[in-house]
C-alpha atoms as a PDB file:
ATOM      1  CA  UNK A   1       0.687  -1.798  -7.840  1.00  0.00           C
ATOM      2  CA  UNK A   2      -1.149   1.500  -7.623  1.00  0.00           C
ATOM      3  CA  UNK A   3       0.248   4.307  -9.745  1.00  0.00           C
ATOM      4  CA  UNK A   4      -2.507   6.880  -9.341  1.00  0.00           C
ATOM      5  CA  UNK A   5      -0.693   9.798  -7.728  1.00  0.00           C
ATOM      6  CA  UNK A   6       2.279  11.933  -8.649  1.00  0.00           C
ATOM      7  CA  UNK A   7       3.440  13.769 -11.708  1.00  0.00           C
ATOM      8  CA  UNK A   8       2.788  12.443 -15.195  1.00  0.00           C
ATOM      9  CA  UNK A   9       6.424  11.311 -15.319  1.00  0.00           C
ATOM     10  CA  UNK A  10       6.192   9.523 -11.954  1.00  0.00           C
ATOM     11  CA  UNK A  11       2.945   7.800 -12.856  1.00  0.00           C
ATOM     12  CA  UNK A  12       4.345   6.826 -16.256  1.00  0.00           C
ATOM     13  CA  UNK A  13       7.441   5.329 -14.640  1.00  0.00           C
ATOM     14  CA  UNK A  14       5.319   3.429 -12.124  1.00  0.00           C
ATOM     15  CA  UNK A  15       3.050   2.064 -14.859  1.00  0.00           C
ATOM     16  CA  UNK A  16       6.084   0.995 -16.903  1.00  0.00           C
ATOM     17  CA  UNK A  17       7.540  -0.869 -13.907  1.00  0.00           C
ATOM     18  CA  UNK A  18       4.179  -2.481 -13.224  1.00  0.00           C
ATOM     19  CA  UNK A  19       3.843  -3.519 -16.865  1.00  0.00           C
ATOM     20  CA  UNK A  20       7.293  -5.116 -16.795  1.00  0.00           C
ATOM     21  CA  UNK A  21       6.361  -7.235 -13.775  1.00  0.00           C
ATOM     22  CA  UNK A  22       3.057  -8.292 -15.289  1.00  0.00           C
ATOM     23  CA  UNK A  23       4.720  -9.259 -18.576  1.00  0.00           C
ATOM     24  CA  UNK A  24       7.223 -11.453 -16.688  1.00  0.00           C
ATOM     25  CA  UNK A  25       4.395 -13.100 -14.741  1.00  0.00           C
ATOM     26  CA  UNK A  26       2.459 -13.592 -17.972  1.00  0.00           C
ATOM     27  CA  UNK A  27       5.437 -15.304 -19.615  1.00  0.00           C
ATOM     28  CA  UNK A  28       5.885 -17.641 -16.640  1.00  0.00           C
ATOM     29  CA  UNK A  29       2.177 -18.441 -16.370  1.00  0.00           C
ATOM     30  CA  UNK A  30       1.930 -19.199 -20.091  1.00  0.00           C
ATOM     31  CA  UNK A  31       4.968 -21.453 -19.889  1.00  0.00           C
ATOM     32  CA  UNK A  32       3.430 -23.395 -16.972  1.00  0.00           C
ATOM     33  CA  UNK A  33       0.080 -23.663 -18.762  1.00  0.00           C
ATOM     34  CA  UNK A  34       1.830 -24.906 -21.917  1.00  0.00           C
ATOM     35  CA  UNK A  35       3.603 -27.603 -19.904  1.00  0.00           C
ATOM     36  CA  UNK A  36       0.297 -28.672 -18.350  1.00  0.00           C
ATOM     37  CA  UNK A  37      -1.369 -28.687 -21.785  1.00  0.00           C
ATOM     38  CA  UNK A  38       1.442 -30.792 -23.255  1.00  0.00           C
ATOM     39  CA  UNK A  39       1.121 -33.247 -20.362  1.00  0.00           C
ATOM     40  CA  UNK A  40      -2.624 -33.527 -20.958  1.00  0.00           C
ATOM     41  CA  UNK A  41      -1.981 -34.140 -24.637  1.00  0.00           C
ATOM     42  CA  UNK A  42       0.607 -36.799 -23.788  1.00  0.00           C
ATOM     43  CA  UNK A  43      -1.889 -38.499 -21.472  1.00  0.00           C
ATOM     44  CA  UNK A  44      -4.581 -38.558 -24.152  1.00  0.00           C
ATOM     45  CA  UNK A  45      -2.343 -39.134 -27.165  1.00  0.00           C
ATOM     46  CA  UNK A  46      -3.516 -35.948 -28.837  1.00  0.00           C
ATOM     47  CA  UNK A  47      -2.366 -32.430 -29.603  1.00  0.00           C
ATOM     48  CA  UNK A  48      -5.612 -30.505 -29.175  1.00  0.00           C
ATOM     49  CA  UNK A  49      -5.015 -29.026 -25.723  1.00  0.00           C
ATOM     50  CA  UNK A  50      -1.693 -27.397 -26.509  1.00  0.00           C
ATOM     51  CA  UNK A  51      -2.938 -26.147 -29.888  1.00  0.00           C
ATOM     52  CA  UNK A  52      -6.096 -24.701 -28.317  1.00  0.00           C
ATOM     53  CA  UNK A  53      -4.067 -22.908 -25.657  1.00  0.00           C
ATOM     54  CA  UNK A  54      -1.786 -21.356 -28.273  1.00  0.00           C
ATOM     55  CA  UNK A  55      -4.777 -20.279 -30.367  1.00  0.00           C
ATOM     56  CA  UNK A  56      -6.436 -18.726 -27.335  1.00  0.00           C
ATOM     57  CA  UNK A  57      -3.235 -16.918 -26.364  1.00  0.00           C
ATOM     58  CA  UNK A  58      -2.818 -15.511 -29.871  1.00  0.00           C
ATOM     59  CA  UNK A  59      -6.436 -14.320 -29.872  1.00  0.00           C
ATOM     60  CA  UNK A  60      -6.076 -12.833 -26.389  1.00  0.00           C
ATOM     61  CA  UNK A  61      -2.914 -10.933 -27.403  1.00  0.00           C
ATOM     62  CA  UNK A  62      -4.741  -9.469 -30.413  1.00  0.00           C
ATOM     63  CA  UNK A  63      -7.700  -8.503 -28.223  1.00  0.00           C
ATOM     64  CA  UNK A  64      -5.454  -6.856 -25.643  1.00  0.00           C
ATOM     65  CA  UNK A  65      -3.611  -4.848 -28.284  1.00  0.00           C
ATOM     66  CA  UNK A  66      -6.828  -3.657 -29.951  1.00  0.00           C
ATOM     67  CA  UNK A  67      -8.730  -2.970 -26.746  1.00  0.00           C
ATOM     68  CA  UNK A  68      -5.914  -1.099 -25.050  1.00  0.00           C
ATOM     69  CA  UNK A  69      -5.281   0.917 -28.199  1.00  0.00           C
ATOM     70  CA  UNK A  70      -8.919   1.963 -28.030  1.00  0.00           C
ATOM     71  CA  UNK A  71      -8.563   2.836 -24.334  1.00  0.00           C
ATOM     72  CA  UNK A  72      -5.608   5.085 -25.108  1.00  0.00           C
ATOM     73  CA  UNK A  73      -7.247   6.682 -28.119  1.00  0.00           C
ATOM     74  CA  UNK A  74     -10.481   7.346 -26.234  1.00  0.00           C
ATOM     75  CA  UNK A  75      -8.755   8.768 -23.139  1.00  0.00           C
ATOM     76  CA  UNK A  76     -10.083  12.261 -22.415  1.00  0.00           C
ATOM     77  CA  UNK A  77      -6.616  13.676 -21.679  1.00  0.00           C
ATOM     78  CA  UNK A  78      -4.429  13.128 -24.768  1.00  0.00           C
ATOM     79  CA  UNK A  79      -1.231  13.644 -22.753  1.00  0.00           C
ATOM     80  CA  UNK A  80      -2.165  10.655 -20.574  1.00  0.00           C
ATOM     81  CA  UNK A  81      -3.175   8.339 -23.434  1.00  0.00           C
ATOM     82  CA  UNK A  82       0.085   6.379 -23.295  1.00  0.00           C
ATOM     83  CA  UNK A  83      -0.256   5.841 -19.564  1.00  0.00           C
ATOM     84  CA  UNK A  84      -3.876   4.734 -20.011  1.00  0.00           C
ATOM     85  CA  UNK A  85      -2.839   2.277 -22.719  1.00  0.00           C
ATOM     86  CA  UNK A  86      -0.078   0.766 -20.586  1.00  0.00           C
ATOM     87  CA  UNK A  87      -2.317   0.588 -17.525  1.00  0.00           C
ATOM     88  CA  UNK A  88      -4.853  -1.284 -19.657  1.00  0.00           C
ATOM     89  CA  UNK A  89      -2.135  -3.754 -20.694  1.00  0.00           C
ATOM     90  CA  UNK A  90      -1.291  -4.470 -17.056  1.00  0.00           C
ATOM     91  CA  UNK A  91      -4.929  -4.789 -15.983  1.00  0.00           C
ATOM     92  CA  UNK A  92      -5.731  -7.273 -18.732  1.00  0.00           C
ATOM     93  CA  UNK A  93      -2.367  -8.975 -18.231  1.00  0.00           C
ATOM     94  CA  UNK A  94      -3.063  -9.628 -14.554  1.00  0.00           C
ATOM     95  CA  UNK A  95      -6.413 -11.189 -15.422  1.00  0.00           C
ATOM     96  CA  UNK A  96      -4.769 -13.399 -18.055  1.00  0.00           C
ATOM     97  CA  UNK A  97      -2.085 -14.492 -15.582  1.00  0.00           C
ATOM     98  CA  UNK A  98      -4.825 -15.599 -13.166  1.00  0.00           C
ATOM     99  CA  UNK A  99      -6.550 -17.555 -15.925  1.00  0.00           C
ATOM    100  CA  UNK A 100      -3.320 -19.199 -17.116  1.00  0.00           C
ATOM    101  CA  UNK A 101      -2.380 -20.159 -13.558  1.00  0.00           C
ATOM    102  CA  UNK A 102      -5.776 -21.800 -13.166  1.00  0.00           C
ATOM    103  CA  UNK A 103      -5.304 -23.651 -16.460  1.00  0.00           C
ATOM    104  CA  UNK A 104      -1.805 -24.728 -15.486  1.00  0.00           C
ATOM    105  CA  UNK A 105      -2.966 -26.573 -12.395  1.00  0.00           C
END
């Protein structure tokens, strides 16, 4: 979704809606990847795949929070910092969804 035009309020609302959709997709993609990881572990008799996926997700969530906080803090227009932070969350979230979908196959 593109949210680049309109008032600050309109763009903020658009970014919030976009973020909500990305978060739902992220939840679903992670769930599918976890199922695939558990199946791989069942096939091999181990627990490494599922544990590695959870560790990578935890690390990714920490990275996203820190990176997007930086993006907001460094934004040249302080009034738009919140929008920049949320847009960062959705951009990184979309990329993570793509990666999780690939891993879940």
